[in-house]
């Protein structure tokens, strides 16, 4: 049982920093896609709000929530 707990802790410690680096890359992809998107002004505003929320979550250290929020924006833009 101790081995499982140790493995879970190690996994959590290695995954969290990886997600922290993903957030800025996602934000850059969103910014680039916003330059050429054909979304309506209302949809662009929603994407920008999601991007800004994702940035704030990243800055607060809440990386999983940031990744999830930024994924919504990326989906609206049709990017991966």
Protein backbone atom coordinates (compact mmCIF):
# COMPACT_ATOMS: atom_id res chain seq x y z
CA UNK A 1 0.00 0.00 0.00
CA UNK A 2 2.85 2.37 0.81
CA UNK A 3 4.28 1.75 -2.65
CA UNK A 4 1.00 2.75 -4.29
CA UNK A 5 0.84 5.94 -2.25
CA UNK A 6 4.44 6.80 -3.09
CA UNK A 7 3.79 6.17 -6.77
CA UNK A 8 0.72 8.42 -6.67
CA UNK A 9 2.69 11.21 -5.01
CA UNK A 10 5.51 10.93 -7.53
CA UNK A 11 3.03 10.97 -10.40
CA UNK A 12 1.29 14.05 -9.00
CA UNK A 13 4.60 15.85 -8.57
CA UNK A 14 5.67 15.15 -12.14
CA UNK A 15 2.33 15.88 -13.82
CA UNK A 16 1.66 19.26 -12.17
CA UNK A 17 4.79 20.97 -13.57
CA UNK A 18 4.05 19.58 -17.02
CA UNK A 19 0.59 21.14 -16.93
CA UNK A 20 2.11 24.42 -15.76
CA UNK A 21 4.16 24.59 -18.96
CA UNK A 22 1.17 23.66 -21.12
CA UNK A 23 -0.86 26.72 -20.11
CA UNK A 24 1.38 29.37 -21.74
CA UNK A 25 1.63 27.26 -24.91
CA UNK A 26 -2.16 26.98 -25.07
CA UNK A 27 -2.54 30.73 -24.55
CA UNK A 28 -0.09 31.39 -27.39
CA UNK A 29 -2.05 29.04 -29.69
CA UNK A 30 -5.29 30.82 -28.80
CA UNK A 31 -3.75 34.25 -29.43
CA UNK A 32 -2.44 33.12 -32.81
CA UNK A 33 -5.78 31.58 -33.84
CA UNK A 34 -7.65 34.73 -32.83
CA UNK A 35 -5.75 36.62 -35.52
CA UNK A 36 -7.31 34.61 -38.35
CA UNK A 37 -10.55 33.25 -36.93
CA UNK A 38 -13.90 33.77 -38.59
CA UNK A 39 -15.85 33.70 -35.32
CA UNK A 40 -18.46 36.35 -34.64
CA UNK A 41 -17.57 39.23 -32.34
CA UNK A 42 -19.60 37.63 -29.53
CA UNK A 43 -17.79 34.31 -29.96
CA UNK A 44 -14.41 36.08 -30.05
CA UNK A 45 -15.32 37.85 -26.82
CA UNK A 46 -16.17 34.51 -25.23
CA UNK A 47 -12.86 33.00 -26.38
CA UNK A 48 -10.98 36.00 -25.00
CA UNK A 49 -12.82 35.70 -21.68
CA UNK A 50 -11.93 32.00 -21.48
CA UNK A 51 -8.31 32.76 -22.38
CA UNK A 52 -8.11 35.44 -19.69
CA UNK A 53 -9.72 33.13 -17.13
CA UNK A 54 -7.25 30.39 -18.07
CA UNK A 55 -4.36 32.83 -17.62
CA UNK A 56 -5.66 33.86 -14.20
CA UNK A 57 -6.04 30.23 -13.13
CA UNK A 58 -2.50 29.49 -14.35
CA UNK A 59 -1.16 32.47 -12.41
CA UNK A 60 -2.97 31.20 -9.30
CA UNK A 61 -1.34 27.78 -9.65
CA UNK A 62 -4.57 26.02 -10.57
CA UNK A 63 -3.16 24.36 -13.65
CA UNK A 64 -5.73 21.63 -14.26
CA UNK A 65 -8.54 24.18 -14.17
CA UNK A 66 -6.49 26.42 -16.46
CA UNK A 67 -5.91 23.61 -18.96
CA UNK A 68 -9.62 22.75 -18.91
CA UNK A 69 -10.67 26.37 -19.43
CA UNK A 70 -8.17 26.93 -22.22
CA UNK A 71 -9.36 23.71 -23.88
CA UNK A 72 -12.83 25.24 -24.15
CA UNK A 73 -11.39 28.27 -25.93
CA UNK A 74 -9.31 26.08 -28.24
CA UNK A 75 -12.37 24.01 -29.07
CA UNK A 76 -14.31 27.12 -30.04
CA UNK A 77 -11.43 28.10 -32.33
CA UNK A 78 -11.18 24.62 -33.79
CA UNK A 79 -7.57 24.11 -32.76
CA UNK A 80 -5.85 21.34 -30.81
